[in-house]
Amino acid sequence: MQKTIDHKSFVYLHDMKKTFAIFIICCTIGVLQAWAHPYKVNEIPMVHLQDRTRYVSNPDQILSSQTTTAIDSILYNLEQQTGIETLVVAVNEIEGGDCFEFALQLGKQQGVGKKETNNGLVILLVTRERYIQFVTGYGLEGTLPDAVCKRIQIQYMNQPFSQGDWDTGMMAGIRAVNRYLIDYRDGTERAETSATDYYPPLIFIAAVLLLFFVFAYRRLRRKSRCPHCKKHTLQRSTSRLLSEVNGIRREEVVYTCTYCGYTVVREEESQDNRHDGFGGRGGGPIIFGGGFFGGRGGHGGGFSGGSFGGGDFGGGGAGSKF
């Protein structure tokens, strides 16, 4: 009988512990939910104001510190190379739930992008809405079109985000944006270099070829002109080899005018291609090349705070539900 009572007591205490643990977990979740209030636009911390090398606002710690540091480094180098300013924000919830309008107002109020070029980019991740939003400044809409923004989200970000892997999705998206913008800049520079460096030589070569053909045509016309009737109707009728030395053929050539029958005898020299003096044709292709600049180093500490450049936004960009 005593053993039966002890067993019942043990089961009762075990159930009480489970109930208490569940109660604690529910209370903790409730407190966290109450603490994680929806953000207003003016409540997003602007870390760029304290350190101009930081571009990621991560108040709810959705992204790891390693990821935010890596993204900051990428976006700092992107700004140094292209002048493009980027703001990345990752939060649990926003007031109103309209991710596009929230990101647009963030860009406008913070002046992301240079004032002269309006080349700002805002990337907003809202986990409660399960939404990723890109917004581009006026001057960046042609460089980073809406379709490209959408494609980057679909190909690189949505799948990791759908699994709650915020770090992987955000890093993949930022790297894709960076690659696209750098490639776009390099492609534009190559096109400008090509137009500047290669058009003048091509024009020169074309001019030389044109002069050659004009000279050859006029020489041919003179050769076919009959000295008697002045018409260009002389044709070669017969020839006689006079000598051949070192591949140089010397001939006596008779030309007859098909119009008036006048005959002209000329001595001409020509190159015999069978004795061109060369053992063969060779030479490989000419390869134009050029080295690339070495790797770009990171940035160290000691940077003071800054602000964005006063850019403006008009509504370009794209968003995706994941």
Protein backbone atom coordinates (compact mmCIF):
# COMPACT_ATOMS: atom_id res chain seq x y z
CA MET A 1 0.00 0.00 0.00
CA GLN A 2 2.82 2.40 0.84
CA LYS A 3 4.51 1.73 -2.47
CA THR A 4 1.27 2.54 -4.33
CA ILE A 5 0.94 5.93 -2.57
CA ASP A 6 4.56 6.80 -3.28
CA HIS A 7 4.10 6.02 -6.98
CA LYS A 8 1.00 8.20 -7.20
CA SER A 9 2.84 11.04 -5.48
CA PHE A 10 5.71 10.74 -7.93
CA VAL A 11 3.37 10.91 -10.93
CA TYR A 12 1.58 13.92 -9.39
CA LEU A 13 4.83 15.80 -8.80
CA HIS A 14 6.03 15.00 -12.34
CA ASP A 15 2.81 16.39 -13.83
CA MET A 16 3.11 19.53 -11.70
CA LYS A 17 6.65 20.14 -12.98
CA LYS A 18 5.51 19.79 -16.59
CA THR A 19 2.61 22.18 -15.99
CA PHE A 20 4.90 24.71 -14.33
CA ALA A 21 7.45 24.51 -17.16
CA ILE A 22 4.73 25.09 -19.75
CA PHE A 23 3.45 28.05 -17.71
CA ILE A 24 6.93 29.60 -17.60
CA ILE A 25 7.40 29.15 -21.35
CA CYS A 26 4.04 30.75 -22.13
CA CYS A 27 4.77 33.68 -19.84
CA THR A 28 8.18 34.17 -21.47
CA ILE A 29 6.67 34.16 -24.97
CA GLY A 30 4.01 36.62 -23.85
CA VAL A 31 6.60 38.98 -22.39
CA LEU A 32 8.74 38.77 -25.52
CA GLN A 33 5.75 39.45 -27.74
CA ALA A 34 4.79 42.44 -25.64
CA TRP A 35 8.40 43.67 -25.70
CA ALA A 36 8.74 43.27 -29.51
CA HIS A 37 6.36 46.10 -30.39
CA PRO A 38 5.74 47.19 -33.99
CA TYR A 39 8.31 49.75 -35.12
CA LYS A 40 7.47 53.16 -36.50
CA VAL A 41 9.70 54.58 -39.22
CA ASN A 42 11.32 57.09 -36.87
CA GLU A 43 12.02 54.36 -34.27
CA ILE A 44 14.44 52.39 -36.45
CA PRO A 45 17.96 52.87 -34.98
CA MET A 46 20.32 54.49 -37.46
CA VAL A 47 23.70 52.90 -36.71
CA HIS A 48 25.18 54.78 -39.69
CA LEU A 49 24.92 57.99 -37.66
CA GLN A 50 27.32 56.59 -35.06
CA ASP A 51 29.65 54.79 -37.49
CA ARG A 52 29.66 55.62 -41.21
CA THR A 53 30.96 52.11 -42.02
CA ARG A 54 27.81 50.45 -40.66
CA TYR A 55 24.71 49.98 -42.82
CA VAL A 56 22.66 47.29 -41.03
CA SER A 57 20.01 48.21 -38.46
CA ASN A 58 19.24 45.02 -36.54
CA PRO A 59 17.46 46.04 -33.31
CA ASP A 60 15.69 42.69 -32.76
CA GLN A 61 18.92 40.69 -33.29
CA ILE A 62 17.37 38.77 -36.17
CA LEU A 63 20.75 38.63 -37.91
CA SER A 64 23.87 37.37 -36.17
CA SER A 65 26.71 39.73 -35.38
CA GLN A 66 28.95 37.89 -37.87
CA THR A 67 26.40 38.43 -40.64
CA THR A 68 25.89 42.13 -39.88
CA THR A 69 29.66 42.69 -39.82
CA ALA A 70 30.07 40.92 -43.18
CA ILE A 71 27.22 42.90 -44.76
CA ASP A 72 28.61 46.17 -43.41
CA SER A 73 31.95 45.38 -45.04
CA ILE A 74 30.35 44.54 -48.41
CA LEU A 75 28.21 47.69 -48.45
CA TYR A 76 31.10 49.91 -47.36
CA ASN A 77 33.22 48.67 -50.26
CA LEU A 78 30.24 49.04 -52.61
CA GLU A 79 29.85 52.69 -51.64
CA GLN A 80 33.59 53.33 -52.06
CA GLN A 81 33.57 51.82 -55.56
CA THR A 82 30.23 53.05 -56.93
CA GLY A 83 28.95 55.78 -54.60
CA ILE A 84 25.76 53.76 -53.97
CA GLU A 85 24.43 54.08 -50.41
CA THR A 86 22.50 51.17 -48.90
CA LEU A 87 20.42 50.80 -45.75
CA VAL A 88 19.52 47.30 -44.51
CA VAL A 89 16.86 46.92 -41.80
CA ALA A 90 15.76 43.64 -40.17
CA VAL A 91 12.90 43.77 -37.64
CA ASN A 92 10.16 41.50 -36.35
CA GLU A 93 7.22 43.80 -36.93
CA ILE A 94 6.38 47.24 -38.35
CA GLU A 95 3.46 49.53 -37.68
CA GLY A 96 0.77 49.17 -40.31
CA GLY A 97 2.37 46.13 -41.97
CA ASP A 98 2.94 47.92 -45.32
CA CYS A 99 6.54 46.98 -46.09
CA PHE A 100 6.80 49.01 -49.30
CA GLU A 101 5.56 52.25 -47.75
CA PHE A 102 7.69 51.69 -44.65
CA ALA A 103 10.87 51.15 -46.70
CA LEU A 104 10.04 54.11 -48.95
CA GLN A 105 9.61 56.45 -46.00
CA LEU A 106 12.82 55.12 -44.44
CA GLY A 107 14.75 56.01 -47.58
CA LYS A 108 13.15 59.45 -47.86
CA GLN A 109 13.48 60.42 -44.19
CA GLN A 110 17.07 59.22 -43.89
CA GLY A 111 18.10 60.60 -47.29
CA VAL A 112 19.73 57.34 -48.39
CA GLY A 113 21.81 57.98 -51.52
CA LYS A 114 23.72 60.95 -52.87
CA LYS A 115 21.70 64.14 -53.35
CA GLU A 116 23.10 64.72 -56.83
CA THR A 117 22.41 61.19 -58.12
CA ASN A 118 19.64 59.79 -55.83
CA ASN A 119 21.42 56.41 -55.88
CA GLY A 120 20.09 54.99 -52.63
CA LEU A 121 18.90 51.46 -51.86
CA VAL A 122 16.80 50.32 -48.88
CA ILE A 123 16.43 46.60 -48.07
CA LEU A 124 13.79 45.80 -45.43
CA LEU A 125 13.17 42.38 -43.85
CA VAL A 126 10.04 42.00 -41.66
CA THR A 127 9.81 38.52 -40.17
CA ARG A 128 6.25 38.82 -38.81
CA GLU A 129 4.99 39.83 -42.27
CA ARG A 130 7.29 37.23 -43.87
CA TYR A 131 8.27 39.85 -46.41
CA ILE A 132 11.45 41.18 -48.04
CA GLN A 133 11.28 44.62 -49.70
CA PHE A 134 13.75 46.49 -51.93
CA VAL A 135 13.25 50.21 -52.64
CA THR A 136 15.53 52.08 -55.09
CA GLY A 137 16.21 55.79 -55.42
CA TYR A 138 15.34 57.74 -58.56
CA GLY A 139 18.89 57.47 -59.91
CA LEU A 140 19.21 53.75 -59.21
CA GLU A 141 16.00 52.62 -60.91
CA GLY A 142 17.69 52.29 -64.31
CA THR A 143 20.75 50.55 -62.89
CA LEU A 144 18.87 48.14 -60.61
CA PRO A 145 15.45 47.66 -62.26
CA ASP A 146 12.41 46.26 -60.46
CA ALA A 147 12.70 42.96 -62.36
CA VAL A 148 16.29 42.45 -61.18
CA CYS A 149 15.30 43.19 -57.56
CA LYS A 150 12.52 40.60 -57.80
CA ARG A 151 14.80 38.02 -59.41
CA ILE A 152 17.41 38.39 -56.66
CA GLN A 153 14.76 37.88 -53.99
CA ILE A 154 13.32 34.79 -55.68
CA GLN A 155 16.64 33.16 -56.55
CA TYR A 156 18.67 33.91 -53.43
CA MET A 157 16.54 35.02 -50.48
CA ASN A 158 13.04 33.59 -50.35
CA GLN A 159 13.88 29.92 -49.79
CA PRO A 160 16.24 30.46 -46.80
CA PHE A 161 13.83 33.03 -45.36
CA SER A 162 10.92 30.59 -45.64
CA GLN A 163 12.92 28.21 -43.43
CA GLY A 164 13.76 30.90 -40.89
CA ASP A 165 17.40 31.06 -41.97
CA TRP A 166 17.69 34.84 -41.90
CA ASP A 167 21.49 34.98 -42.05
CA THR A 168 21.83 32.81 -45.17
CA GLY A 169 19.03 34.57 -47.05
CA MET A 170 20.22 38.09 -46.30
CA MET A 171 23.88 37.35 -47.07
CA ALA A 172 22.98 35.67 -50.37
CA GLY A 173 20.80 38.61 -51.39
CA ILE A 174 23.36 41.27 -50.44
CA ARG A 175 26.12 39.44 -52.32
CA ALA A 176 23.91 39.13 -55.40
CA VAL A 177 23.07 42.86 -55.31
CA ASN A 178 26.74 43.74 -54.86
CA ARG A 179 27.83 41.51 -57.77
CA TYR A 180 25.17 42.94 -60.05
CA LEU A 181 26.01 46.58 -59.28
CA ILE A 182 29.77 46.03 -59.61
CA ASP A 183 29.32 44.13 -62.89
CA TYR A 184 27.02 46.88 -64.16
CA ARG A 185 29.63 49.51 -63.35
CA ASP A 186 32.44 47.50 -64.94
CA GLY A 187 30.34 46.83 -68.03
CA THR A 188 29.61 50.54 -68.43
CA GLU A 189 33.28 51.42 -68.00
CA ARG A 190 34.31 48.77 -70.54
CA ALA A 191 31.80 50.14 -73.04
CA GLU A 192 33.09 53.68 -72.55
CA THR A 193 36.70 52.50 -72.82
CA SER A 194 35.93 50.57 -75.96
CA ALA A 195 34.32 53.58 -77.58
CA THR A 196 37.24 55.79 -76.62
CA ASP A 197 40.16 53.47 -77.31
CA TYR A 198 39.11 51.42 -80.32
CA TYR A 199 37.03 53.67 -82.56
CA PRO A 200 39.93 55.96 -83.68
CA PRO A 201 42.14 53.02 -84.81
CA LEU A 202 39.21 51.49 -86.67
CA ILE A 203 38.51 54.78 -88.43
CA PHE A 204 42.21 55.09 -89.37
CA ILE A 205 42.29 51.53 -90.77
CA ALA A 206 39.10 52.13 -92.74
CA ALA A 207 40.56 55.34 -94.20
CA VAL A 208 43.77 53.56 -95.27
CA LEU A 209 41.80 50.75 -96.92
CA LEU A 210 39.60 53.27 -98.71
CA LEU A 211 42.65 55.12 -100.07
CA PHE A 212 44.19 51.82 -101.20
CA PHE A 213 41.07 50.81 -103.12
CA VAL A 214 40.76 54.26 -104.70
CA PHE A 215 44.42 54.15 -105.81
CA ALA A 216 44.06 50.59 -107.18
CA TYR A 217 40.87 51.49 -109.03
CA ARG A 218 42.41 54.57 -110.66
CA ARG A 219 45.53 52.61 -111.65
CA LEU A 220 43.36 49.92 -113.22
CA ARG A 221 41.39 52.55 -115.10
CA ARG A 222 44.57 54.14 -116.48
CA LYS A 223 45.89 50.75 -117.54
CA SER A 224 42.73 49.98 -119.52
CA ARG A 225 42.52 53.38 -121.28
CA CYS A 226 43.21 53.31 -125.01
CA PRO A 227 45.61 56.11 -126.05
CA HIS A 228 43.94 56.32 -129.46
CA CYS A 229 40.18 56.48 -128.78
CA LYS A 230 40.46 57.41 -125.06
CA LYS A 231 37.99 54.72 -124.06
CA HIS A 232 38.66 52.22 -121.26
CA THR A 233 38.48 49.20 -123.55
CA LEU A 234 42.09 47.92 -123.64
CA GLN A 235 42.32 44.21 -122.93
CA ARG A 236 45.33 41.93 -122.58
CA SER A 237 45.63 39.76 -125.68
CA THR A 238 49.09 38.11 -125.65
CA SER A 239 52.28 38.04 -123.57
CA ARG A 240 55.88 36.87 -123.96
CA LEU A 241 58.27 36.05 -121.10
CA LEU A 242 61.46 38.05 -121.31
CA SER A 243 63.20 36.97 -118.10
CA GLU A 244 62.64 35.49 -114.64
CA VAL A 245 65.13 36.22 -111.87
CA ASN A 246 64.55 35.47 -108.14
CA GLY A 247 60.83 35.13 -108.66
CA ILE A 248 60.50 38.40 -110.63
CA ARG A 249 58.87 37.81 -114.01
CA ARG A 250 59.52 40.33 -116.79
CA GLU A 251 57.06 40.09 -119.68
CA GLU A 252 56.18 41.81 -122.93
CA VAL A 253 52.40 42.21 -122.95
CA VAL A 254 50.23 43.16 -125.90
CA TYR A 255 46.95 45.01 -125.23
CA THR A 256 44.28 45.46 -127.89
CA CYS A 257 41.44 47.98 -127.81
CA THR A 258 38.15 46.21 -128.36
CA TYR A 259 36.57 49.44 -129.59
CA CYS A 260 39.01 50.77 -132.20
CA GLY A 261 41.50 47.86 -132.59
CA TYR A 262 44.50 49.92 -131.51
CA THR A 263 47.41 47.85 -130.14
CA VAL A 264 49.69 48.75 -127.24
CA VAL A 265 52.87 46.85 -126.26
CA ARG A 266 54.10 47.17 -122.67
CA GLU A 267 56.84 45.64 -120.57
CA GLU A 268 55.60 44.58 -117.15
CA GLU A 269 57.09 42.99 -114.04
CA SER A 270 55.25 40.76 -111.63
CA GLN A 271 55.94 38.64 -108.53
CA ASP A 272 55.87 34.88 -108.98
CA ASN A 273 54.09 33.65 -105.81
CA ARG A 274 55.67 30.25 -106.19
CA HIS A 275 58.99 31.83 -105.20
CA ASP A 276 57.90 34.11 -102.38
CA GLY A 277 60.97 33.25 -100.30
CA PHE A 278 59.01 32.30 -97.20
CA GLY A 279 59.01 28.85 -95.69
CA GLY A 280 55.41 29.08 -94.56
CA ARG A 281 52.85 31.18 -92.86
CA GLY A 282 52.84 31.35 -89.13
CA GLY A 283 52.08 33.51 -86.22
CA GLY A 284 49.55 32.97 -83.51
CA PRO A 285 46.63 35.14 -82.60
CA ILE A 286 47.14 38.48 -80.95
CA ILE A 287 45.66 38.40 -77.50
CA PHE A 288 44.60 41.62 -75.90
CA GLY A 289 44.68 41.40 -72.17
CA GLY A 290 44.99 43.30 -69.01
CA GLY A 291 45.39 42.61 -65.34
CA PHE A 292 42.79 43.29 -62.78
CA PHE A 293 43.35 45.22 -59.65
CA GLY A 294 44.25 43.21 -56.62
CA GLY A 295 41.91 42.35 -53.82
CA ARG A 296 40.26 45.08 -51.92
CA GLY A 297 41.06 45.26 -48.29
CA GLY A 298 38.62 45.72 -45.48
CA HIS A 299 38.23 48.76 -43.30
CA GLY A 300 39.46 49.15 -39.82
CA GLY A 301 38.07 50.83 -36.76
CA GLY A 302 38.20 54.42 -35.73
CA PHE A 303 35.55 55.70 -38.17
CA SER A 304 33.32 58.45 -36.85
CA GLY A 305 29.60 58.73 -37.40
CA GLY A 306 28.11 60.05 -40.57
CA SER A 307 24.86 60.50 -42.41
CA PHE A 308 23.46 59.55 -45.75
CA GLY A 309 23.82 61.91 -48.67
CA GLY A 310 20.30 63.31 -49.00
CA GLY A 311 18.97 61.09 -51.78
CA ASP A 312 15.32 60.84 -52.78
CA PHE A 313 13.02 57.98 -53.75
CA GLY A 314 10.18 57.63 -56.20
CA GLY A 315 8.86 54.12 -55.72
CA GLY A 316 11.19 51.81 -57.65
CA GLY A 317 12.02 48.37 -56.32
CA ALA A 318 10.21 45.11 -55.60
CA GLY A 319 8.93 42.98 -52.73
CA SER A 320 8.38 39.26 -52.12
CA LYS A 321 6.30 37.21 -49.70
CA PHE A 322 8.14 34.10 -48.53
